[in-house]
Amino acid sequence: MTPVLCFDIETIPDVAGLRRVWELGDELDDAAVAEAAFARRREATGHDFLPLHLHRVVAIGCLFRDADGVRVRCLGEPADGEARLIQDFFKVIDRYTPQLVSWNGSGFDLQVLHYRGLVNHVHAQRYWDLGDDDRDFRYNNYISRYHTRHTDLMDLLALYSPRANAPLDELARLCGLPGKLGMDGAQVWPAYRDGRIAEIRAYCETDVANTYLLYCRFQLMRGAWTHERHDEEVRIVRDALAATSGEHWRRYLDAWGR
């Protein structure tokens, strides 16, 4: 079977980068630099979501499905730097050439990984192949919007119309899944400042579980899977999560059972 890599990233403001871009000294601490960036963004756009190149990746959650089963984890270790995390992500693609699955990966996650990979001297030859190394990639690659090696479920279900996008949390709950538990993207920066990287990684892992289970439902809807195949895949995921350590998985399974 073709391996599937369902992924999600968590980011914080790139405070060091903001200091370089704005030529700031050390008179402001990290929190003040970030707040200044948020304030500038609110003044310019009405919201404080920073441009994608000014995000720093602090977690990459992955659900990997292959013939050996399902594994869910964040790449690397909590103390690993951004360069290591991003390089590890592209190494998985180099090794397995998986089917990528995301929720808003085309509109956020991959774009951030592109910018931050450039900043961090990351190598990603397989991902960027457009047919020069593998002829098959000329007709189906990770980059072209309408090719299928990357399935951005949010973008696809909305038929590439941003006004029709649905939030992952709400659609997951509509489909009987737990959705987000205890955190959302807006809380990542405060959590990071408080040293709660383990909670951020746990939140990221549950997001990829939600995304993959919606992908299973999508495979059923488009006729690629029968009801029996879908139900068996969901059972495999549930069993894999039950066998994975972590309080967040116990909470996730408890919420899933309600």
C-alpha atoms as a PDB file:
ATOM      1  CA  MET A   1       0.000   0.000   0.000  1.00  0.00           C
ATOM      2  CA  THR A   2       1.053   3.597  -0.543  1.00  0.00           C
ATOM      3  CA  PRO A   3       1.981   5.069   2.853  1.00  0.00           C
ATOM      4  CA  VAL A   4      -0.112   7.981   4.077  1.00  0.00           C
ATOM      5  CA  LEU A   5       1.425  10.865   6.013  1.00  0.00           C
ATOM      6  CA  CYS A   6      -1.175  13.065   7.666  1.00  0.00           C
ATOM      7  CA  PHE A   7       0.486  16.141   9.146  1.00  0.00           C
ATOM      8  CA  ASP A   8      -0.079  19.369  11.035  1.00  0.00           C
ATOM      9  CA  ILE A   9       2.260  22.060  12.338  1.00  0.00           C
ATOM     10  CA  GLU A  10       2.180  24.426  15.297  1.00  0.00           C
ATOM     11  CA  THR A  11       3.941  27.773  15.156  1.00  0.00           C
ATOM     12  CA  ILE A  12       4.869  30.781  17.245  1.00  0.00           C
ATOM     13  CA  PRO A  13       6.083  34.257  16.239  1.00  0.00           C
ATOM     14  CA  ASP A  14       9.685  34.191  14.987  1.00  0.00           C
ATOM     15  CA  VAL A  15      10.904  36.661  17.577  1.00  0.00           C
ATOM     16  CA  ALA A  16      14.551  36.447  16.529  1.00  0.00           C
ATOM     17  CA  GLY A  17      13.531  37.014  12.917  1.00  0.00           C
ATOM     18  CA  LEU A  18      11.343  39.959  13.851  1.00  0.00           C
ATOM     19  CA  ARG A  19      14.324  41.530  15.620  1.00  0.00           C
ATOM     20  CA  ARG A  20      16.425  41.159  12.458  1.00  0.00           C
ATOM     21  CA  VAL A  21      13.730  42.349  10.054  1.00  0.00           C
ATOM     22  CA  TRP A  22      12.859  45.385  12.157  1.00  0.00           C
ATOM     23  CA  GLU A  23      16.437  45.957  13.402  1.00  0.00           C
ATOM     24  CA  LEU A  24      15.357  45.849  17.034  1.00  0.00           C
ATOM     25  CA  GLY A  25      17.775  45.797  19.939  1.00  0.00           C
ATOM     26  CA  ASP A  26      17.491  43.976  23.236  1.00  0.00           C
ATOM     27  CA  GLU A  27      15.459  46.672  24.954  1.00  0.00           C
ATOM     28  CA  LEU A  28      12.277  44.662  24.324  1.00  0.00           C
ATOM     29  CA  ASP A  29      11.852  41.116  25.618  1.00  0.00           C
ATOM     30  CA  ASP A  30      10.411  38.372  23.418  1.00  0.00           C
ATOM     31  CA  ALA A  31       6.847  38.908  24.581  1.00  0.00           C
ATOM     32  CA  ALA A  32       7.058  42.633  23.837  1.00  0.00           C
ATOM     33  CA  VAL A  33       8.516  42.003  20.370  1.00  0.00           C
ATOM     34  CA  ALA A  34       5.672  39.604  19.560  1.00  0.00           C
ATOM     35  CA  GLU A  35       3.051  41.999  20.887  1.00  0.00           C
ATOM     36  CA  ALA A  36       4.521  44.820  18.799  1.00  0.00           C
ATOM     37  CA  ALA A  37       4.250  42.558  15.736  1.00  0.00           C
ATOM     38  CA  PHE A  38       0.639  41.707  16.599  1.00  0.00           C
ATOM     39  CA  ALA A  39      -0.205  45.377  17.064  1.00  0.00           C
ATOM     40  CA  ARG A  40       1.376  46.326  13.734  1.00  0.00           C
ATOM     41  CA  ARG A  41      -0.548  43.537  12.031  1.00  0.00           C
ATOM     42  CA  ARG A  42      -3.861  44.606  13.627  1.00  0.00           C
ATOM     43  CA  GLU A  43      -3.327  48.143  12.450  1.00  0.00           C
ATOM     44  CA  ALA A  44      -2.625  46.991   8.886  1.00  0.00           C
ATOM     45  CA  THR A  45      -5.210  44.213   8.525  1.00  0.00           C
ATOM     46  CA  GLY A  46      -7.625  44.248  11.461  1.00  0.00           C
ATOM     47  CA  HIS A  47      -6.269  40.959  12.843  1.00  0.00           C
ATOM     48  CA  ASP A  48      -3.045  39.829  14.485  1.00  0.00           C
ATOM     49  CA  PHE A  49      -2.234  36.739  12.390  1.00  0.00           C
ATOM     50  CA  LEU A  50       1.355  37.255  11.266  1.00  0.00           C
ATOM     51  CA  PRO A  51       2.592  36.762   7.678  1.00  0.00           C
ATOM     52  CA  LEU A  52       3.574  33.137   7.153  1.00  0.00           C
ATOM     53  CA  HIS A  53       7.309  33.750   6.786  1.00  0.00           C
ATOM     54  CA  LEU A  54       7.363  35.256  10.287  1.00  0.00           C
ATOM     55  CA  HIS A  55       6.085  32.067  11.946  1.00  0.00           C
ATOM     56  CA  ARG A  56       8.505  29.653  13.624  1.00  0.00           C
ATOM     57  CA  VAL A  57       7.687  25.954  13.657  1.00  0.00           C
ATOM     58  CA  VAL A  58       7.722  24.392  17.149  1.00  0.00           C
ATOM     59  CA  ALA A  59       5.879  21.117  16.472  1.00  0.00           C
ATOM     60  CA  ILE A  60       5.077  18.883  13.505  1.00  0.00           C
ATOM     61  CA  GLY A  61       2.487  16.231  14.244  1.00  0.00           C
ATOM     62  CA  CYS A  62       2.326  13.181  11.997  1.00  0.00           C
ATOM     63  CA  LEU A  63       0.035  10.201  11.634  1.00  0.00           C
ATOM     64  CA  PHE A  64       1.815   7.643   9.477  1.00  0.00           C
ATOM     65  CA  ARG A  65      -0.175   4.767   7.985  1.00  0.00           C
ATOM     66  CA  ASP A  66       1.500   1.940   6.094  1.00  0.00           C
ATOM     67  CA  ALA A  67       1.277  -1.832   5.884  1.00  0.00           C
ATOM     68  CA  ASP A  68       2.684  -2.087   9.409  1.00  0.00           C
ATOM     69  CA  GLY A  69      -0.152  -0.093  10.953  1.00  0.00           C
ATOM     70  CA  VAL A  70      -0.762   3.400  12.326  1.00  0.00           C
ATOM     71  CA  ARG A  71       1.704   5.520  14.297  1.00  0.00           C
ATOM     72  CA  VAL A  72       0.987   8.985  15.663  1.00  0.00           C
ATOM     73  CA  ARG A  73       3.637  11.272  17.100  1.00  0.00           C
ATOM     74  CA  CYS A  74       5.286  14.629  16.826  1.00  0.00           C
ATOM     75  CA  LEU A  75       8.618  14.581  15.041  1.00  0.00           C
ATOM     76  CA  GLY A  76      11.800  14.964  17.019  1.00  0.00           C
ATOM     77  CA  GLU A  77      12.035  15.857  20.686  1.00  0.00           C
ATOM     78  CA  PRO A  78      10.560  18.830  22.578  1.00  0.00           C
ATOM     79  CA  ALA A  79      13.941  20.572  22.735  1.00  0.00           C
ATOM     80  CA  ASP A  80      14.717  20.187  19.015  1.00  0.00           C
ATOM     81  CA  GLY A  81      15.116  23.350  16.971  1.00  0.00           C
ATOM     82  CA  GLU A  82      13.058  24.359  13.976  1.00  0.00           C
ATOM     83  CA  ALA A  83      15.622  23.228  11.397  1.00  0.00           C
ATOM     84  CA  ARG A  84      15.717  19.682  12.808  1.00  0.00           C
ATOM     85  CA  LEU A  85      11.924  19.371  12.869  1.00  0.00           C
ATOM     86  CA  ILE A  86      11.459  20.553   9.296  1.00  0.00           C
ATOM     87  CA  GLN A  87      14.316  18.449   7.976  1.00  0.00           C
ATOM     88  CA  ASP A  88      12.869  15.371   9.693  1.00  0.00           C
ATOM     89  CA  PHE A  89       9.530  16.010   7.969  1.00  0.00           C
ATOM     90  CA  PHE A  90      11.067  16.138   4.514  1.00  0.00           C
ATOM     91  CA  LYS A  91      13.234  13.097   5.283  1.00  0.00           C
ATOM     92  CA  VAL A  92      10.041  11.079   5.756  1.00  0.00           C
ATOM     93  CA  ILE A  93       8.920  12.184   2.288  1.00  0.00           C
ATOM     94  CA  ASP A  94      12.338  11.403   0.810  1.00  0.00           C
ATOM     95  CA  ARG A  95      12.246   7.905   2.263  1.00  0.00           C
ATOM     96  CA  TYR A  96       8.644   6.825   1.715  1.00  0.00           C
ATOM     97  CA  THR A  97       7.106   9.104  -0.967  1.00  0.00           C
ATOM     98  CA  PRO A  98       3.843   9.032   0.991  1.00  0.00           C
ATOM     99  CA  GLN A  99       0.415  10.362   0.180  1.00  0.00           C
ATOM    100  CA  LEU A 100       0.250  13.648   2.100  1.00  0.00           C
ATOM    101  CA  VAL A 101      -2.987  14.568   3.875  1.00  0.00           C
ATOM    102  CA  SER A 102      -3.686  17.825   5.671  1.00  0.00           C
ATOM    103  CA  TRP A 103      -6.321  20.280   6.757  1.00  0.00           C
ATOM    104  CA  ASN A 104      -5.394  23.645   5.241  1.00  0.00           C
ATOM    105  CA  GLY A 105      -1.923  22.366   4.405  1.00  0.00           C
ATOM    106  CA  SER A 106      -1.934  24.234   1.092  1.00  0.00           C
ATOM    107  CA  GLY A 107      -2.984  27.485   2.728  1.00  0.00           C
ATOM    108  CA  PHE A 108      -0.795  27.388   5.817  1.00  0.00           C
ATOM    109  CA  ASP A 109       1.311  24.382   6.860  1.00  0.00           C
ATOM    110  CA  LEU A 110       3.216  23.738   3.635  1.00  0.00           C
ATOM    111  CA  GLN A 111       3.657  27.414   2.873  1.00  0.00           C
ATOM    112  CA  VAL A 112       5.211  27.929   6.307  1.00  0.00           C
ATOM    113  CA  LEU A 113       7.407  24.870   5.803  1.00  0.00           C
ATOM    114  CA  HIS A 114       8.553  26.276   2.445  1.00  0.00           C
ATOM    115  CA  TYR A 115       9.590  29.618   3.921  1.00  0.00           C
ATOM    116  CA  ARG A 116      11.098  28.199   7.062  1.00  0.00           C
ATOM    117  CA  GLY A 117      12.870  25.434   5.148  1.00  0.00           C
ATOM    118  CA  LEU A 118      14.502  28.133   3.060  1.00  0.00           C
ATOM    119  CA  VAL A 119      15.543  30.032   6.179  1.00  0.00           C
ATOM    120  CA  ASN A 120      16.969  26.890   7.789  1.00  0.00           C
ATOM    121  CA  HIS A 121      18.947  25.414   4.842  1.00  0.00           C
ATOM    122  CA  VAL A 122      16.626  22.398   4.649  1.00  0.00           C
ATOM    123  CA  HIS A 123      16.999  19.824   1.855  1.00  0.00           C
ATOM    124  CA  ALA A 124      13.767  18.434   0.345  1.00  0.00           C
ATOM    125  CA  GLN A 125      14.597  16.950  -3.058  1.00  0.00           C
ATOM    126  CA  ARG A 126      11.755  14.429  -3.327  1.00  0.00           C
ATOM    127  CA  TYR A 127       9.123  16.922  -2.231  1.00  0.00           C
ATOM    128  CA  TRP A 128      10.158  19.501  -4.836  1.00  0.00           C
ATOM    129  CA  ASP A 129      10.507  17.023  -7.708  1.00  0.00           C
ATOM    130  CA  LEU A 130       8.375  18.135 -10.667  1.00  0.00           C
ATOM    131  CA  GLY A 131       9.485  15.312 -12.958  1.00  0.00           C
ATOM    132  CA  ASP A 132      13.189  15.988 -13.348  1.00  0.00           C
ATOM    133  CA  ASP A 133      14.203  13.013 -11.196  1.00  0.00           C
ATOM    134  CA  ASP A 134      11.071  10.855 -11.472  1.00  0.00           C
ATOM    135  CA  ARG A 135       9.019  11.072 -14.657  1.00  0.00           C
ATOM    136  CA  ASP A 136       5.826  10.136 -12.778  1.00  0.00           C
ATOM    137  CA  PHE A 137       6.148  13.359 -10.797  1.00  0.00           C
ATOM    138  CA  ARG A 138       5.650  15.374 -13.974  1.00  0.00           C
ATOM    139  CA  TYR A 139       2.017  14.335 -13.933  1.00  0.00           C
ATOM    140  CA  ASN A 140       1.401  13.960 -10.206  1.00  0.00           C
ATOM    141  CA  ASN A 141       3.540  15.767  -7.648  1.00  0.00           C
ATOM    142  CA  TYR A 142       3.332  17.462  -4.261  1.00  0.00           C
ATOM    143  CA  ILE A 143       3.429  21.019  -5.584  1.00  0.00           C
ATOM    144  CA  SER A 144       0.779  21.387  -8.295  1.00  0.00           C
ATOM    145  CA  ARG A 145      -2.579  22.347  -6.826  1.00  0.00           C
ATOM    146  CA  TYR A 146      -4.719  19.858  -8.736  1.00  0.00           C
ATOM    147  CA  HIS A 147      -2.399  16.866  -8.353  1.00  0.00           C
ATOM    148  CA  THR A 148      -3.137  14.286  -5.694  1.00  0.00           C
ATOM    149  CA  ARG A 149       0.101  13.434  -3.901  1.00  0.00           C
ATOM    150  CA  HIS A 150      -1.062  16.030  -1.394  1.00  0.00           C
ATOM    151  CA  THR A 151      -4.728  16.075  -0.409  1.00  0.00           C
ATOM    152  CA  ASP A 152      -5.673  19.232   1.464  1.00  0.00           C
ATOM    153  CA  LEU A 153      -9.075  18.130   2.708  1.00  0.00           C
ATOM    154  CA  MET A 154     -10.231  21.602   3.688  1.00  0.00           C
ATOM    155  CA  ASP A 155      -9.350  23.086   0.311  1.00  0.00           C
ATOM    156  CA  LEU A 156     -10.759  20.150  -1.652  1.00  0.00           C
ATOM    157  CA  LEU A 157     -14.066  19.898   0.208  1.00  0.00           C
ATOM    158  CA  ALA A 158     -14.566  23.639  -0.265  1.00  0.00           C
ATOM    159  CA  LEU A 159     -13.832  23.261  -4.009  1.00  0.00           C
ATOM    160  CA  TYR A 160     -10.920  25.699  -3.625  1.00  0.00           C
ATOM    161  CA  SER A 161     -13.237  28.508  -2.477  1.00  0.00           C
ATOM    162  CA  PRO A 162     -11.968  30.086   0.776  1.00  0.00           C
ATOM    163  CA  ARG A 163     -15.408  31.421   1.697  1.00  0.00           C
ATOM    164  CA  ALA A 164     -16.612  27.788   1.893  1.00  0.00           C
ATOM    165  CA  ASN A 165     -13.819  26.573   4.199  1.00  0.00           C
ATOM    166  CA  ALA A 166     -14.930  24.697   7.309  1.00  0.00           C
ATOM    167  CA  PRO A 167     -13.032  24.632  10.617  1.00  0.00           C
ATOM    168  CA  LEU A 168     -11.468  21.277  11.433  1.00  0.00           C
ATOM    169  CA  ASP A 169     -12.852  21.272  14.964  1.00  0.00           C
ATOM    170  CA  GLU A 170     -16.458  21.843  13.905  1.00  0.00           C
ATOM    171  CA  LEU A 171     -16.463  19.364  11.032  1.00  0.00           C
ATOM    172  CA  ALA A 172     -14.788  16.719  13.199  1.00  0.00           C
ATOM    173  CA  ARG A 173     -17.469  17.147  15.844  1.00  0.00           C
ATOM    174  CA  LEU A 174     -20.221  17.005  13.230  1.00  0.00           C
ATOM    175  CA  CYS A 175     -18.776  13.644  12.161  1.00  0.00           C
ATOM    176  CA  GLY A 176     -18.800  12.299  15.716  1.00  0.00           C
ATOM    177  CA  LEU A 177     -15.093  12.832  16.421  1.00  0.00           C
ATOM    178  CA  PRO A 178     -13.661  14.557  19.511  1.00  0.00           C
ATOM    179  CA  GLY A 179     -12.360  17.651  17.723  1.00  0.00           C
ATOM    180  CA  LYS A 180      -9.940  19.895  19.572  1.00  0.00           C
ATOM    181  CA  LEU A 181      -9.399  19.205  23.267  1.00  0.00           C
ATOM    182  CA  GLY A 182      -8.124  21.880  25.631  1.00  0.00           C
ATOM    183  CA  MET A 183      -6.234  24.090  23.170  1.00  0.00           C
ATOM    184  CA  ASP A 184      -6.442  25.790  19.815  1.00  0.00           C
ATOM    185  CA  GLY A 185      -3.957  27.568  17.581  1.00  0.00           C
ATOM    186  CA  ALA A 186      -4.438  30.936  19.281  1.00  0.00           C
ATOM    187  CA  GLN A 187      -3.225  29.478  22.577  1.00  0.00           C
ATOM    188  CA  VAL A 188       0.043  28.030  21.283  1.00  0.00           C
ATOM    189  CA  TRP A 189       2.152  31.166  21.797  1.00  0.00           C
ATOM    190  CA  PRO A 190       1.060  31.737  25.435  1.00  0.00           C
ATOM    191  CA  ALA A 191       1.555  28.014  26.116  1.00  0.00           C
ATOM    192  CA  TYR A 192       5.029  28.123  24.584  1.00  0.00           C
ATOM    193  CA  ARG A 193       5.981  31.138  26.686  1.00  0.00           C
ATOM    194  CA  ASP A 194       4.889  29.184  29.769  1.00  0.00           C
ATOM    195  CA  GLY A 195       7.121  26.269  28.805  1.00  0.00           C
ATOM    196  CA  ARG A 196       4.211  23.967  27.943  1.00  0.00           C
ATOM    197  CA  ILE A 197       5.717  22.466  24.799  1.00  0.00           C
ATOM    198  CA  ALA A 198       4.508  18.981  25.776  1.00  0.00           C
ATOM    199  CA  GLU A 199       0.914  20.243  25.719  1.00  0.00           C
ATOM    200  CA  ILE A 200       1.468  21.859  22.331  1.00  0.00           C
ATOM    201  CA  ARG A 201       2.812  18.605  20.917  1.00  0.00           C
ATOM    202  CA  ALA A 202      -0.105  16.654  22.376  1.00  0.00           C
ATOM    203  CA  TYR A 203      -2.581  19.098  20.844  1.00  0.00           C
ATOM    204  CA  CYS A 204      -0.837  18.807  17.477  1.00  0.00           C
ATOM    205  CA  GLU A 205      -1.042  15.009  17.599  1.00  0.00           C
ATOM    206  CA  THR A 206      -4.780  15.014  18.282  1.00  0.00           C
ATOM    207  CA  ASP A 207      -5.281  17.379  15.346  1.00  0.00           C
ATOM    208  CA  VAL A 208      -3.680  14.901  12.955  1.00  0.00           C
ATOM    209  CA  ALA A 209      -5.856  12.127  14.380  1.00  0.00           C
ATOM    210  CA  ASN A 210      -8.958  14.207  13.646  1.00  0.00           C
ATOM    211  CA  THR A 211      -7.679  14.966  10.154  1.00  0.00           C
ATOM    212  CA  TYR A 212      -6.890  11.361   9.308  1.00  0.00           C
ATOM    213  CA  LEU A 213     -10.286  10.147  10.531  1.00  0.00           C
ATOM    214  CA  LEU A 214     -11.955  12.755   8.318  1.00  0.00           C
ATOM    215  CA  TYR A 215      -9.782  11.490   5.466  1.00  0.00           C
ATOM    216  CA  CYS A 216     -11.152   7.996   6.144  1.00  0.00           C
ATOM    217  CA  ARG A 217     -14.675   9.396   5.891  1.00  0.00           C
ATOM    218  CA  PHE A 218     -13.700  11.137   2.645  1.00  0.00           C
ATOM    219  CA  GLN A 219     -12.384   7.867   1.211  1.00  0.00           C
ATOM    220  CA  LEU A 220     -15.768   6.335   1.959  1.00  0.00           C
ATOM    221  CA  MET A 221     -17.665   9.260   0.434  1.00  0.00           C
ATOM    222  CA  ARG A 222     -15.710   9.217  -2.830  1.00  0.00           C
ATOM    223  CA  GLY A 223     -16.158   5.467  -3.223  1.00  0.00           C
ATOM    224  CA  ALA A 224     -12.521   4.481  -2.736  1.00  0.00           C
ATOM    225  CA  TRP A 225     -13.460   2.454   0.359  1.00  0.00           C
ATOM    226  CA  THR A 226     -16.455   0.327   1.237  1.00  0.00           C
ATOM    227  CA  HIS A 227     -18.250   0.798   4.547  1.00  0.00           C
ATOM    228  CA  GLU A 228     -16.480  -2.327   5.798  1.00  0.00           C
ATOM    229  CA  ARG A 229     -13.053  -0.990   4.823  1.00  0.00           C
ATOM    230  CA  HIS A 230     -13.822   2.357   6.449  1.00  0.00           C
ATOM    231  CA  ASP A 231     -15.003   0.785   9.696  1.00  0.00           C
ATOM    232  CA  GLU A 232     -11.966  -1.488   9.822  1.00  0.00           C
ATOM    233  CA  GLU A 233      -9.605   1.465   9.295  1.00  0.00           C
ATOM    234  CA  VAL A 234     -11.306   3.431  12.063  1.00  0.00           C
ATOM    235  CA  ARG A 235     -10.941   0.404  14.348  1.00  0.00           C
ATOM    236  CA  ILE A 236      -7.224   0.203  13.506  1.00  0.00           C
ATOM    237  CA  VAL A 237      -6.789   3.889  14.375  1.00  0.00           C
ATOM    238  CA  ARG A 238      -8.715   3.541  17.631  1.00  0.00           C
ATOM    239  CA  ASP A 239      -6.651   0.508  18.666  1.00  0.00           C
ATOM    240  CA  ALA A 240      -3.411   2.294  17.779  1.00  0.00           C
ATOM    241  CA  LEU A 241      -4.356   5.315  19.880  1.00  0.00           C
ATOM    242  CA  ALA A 242      -5.372   3.097  22.785  1.00  0.00           C
ATOM    243  CA  ALA A 243      -1.931   1.475  22.668  1.00  0.00           C
ATOM    244  CA  THR A 244      -0.109   4.838  22.562  1.00  0.00           C
ATOM    245  CA  SER A 245       0.972   6.388  25.838  1.00  0.00           C
ATOM    246  CA  GLY A 246      -0.175   9.830  26.847  1.00  0.00           C
ATOM    247  CA  GLU A 247      -2.969  11.374  28.873  1.00  0.00           C
ATOM    248  CA  HIS A 248      -4.153  13.267  25.796  1.00  0.00           C
ATOM    249  CA  TRP A 249      -4.986   9.985  24.090  1.00  0.00           C
ATOM    250  CA  ARG A 250      -7.018   8.787  27.040  1.00  0.00           C
ATOM    251  CA  ARG A 251      -8.957  12.039  26.979  1.00  0.00           C
ATOM    252  CA  TYR A 252      -9.362  11.798  23.208  1.00  0.00           C
ATOM    253  CA  LEU A 253     -10.693   8.248  23.342  1.00  0.00           C
ATOM    254  CA  ASP A 254     -13.017   9.119  26.210  1.00  0.00           C
ATOM    255  CA  ALA A 255     -14.435  12.045  24.195  1.00  0.00           C
ATOM    256  CA  TRP A 256     -14.705   9.835  21.097  1.00  0.00           C
ATOM    257  CA  GLY A 257     -16.769   7.334  23.013  1.00  0.00           C
ATOM    258  CA  ARG A 258     -19.413   9.872  24.032  1.00  0.00           C
END
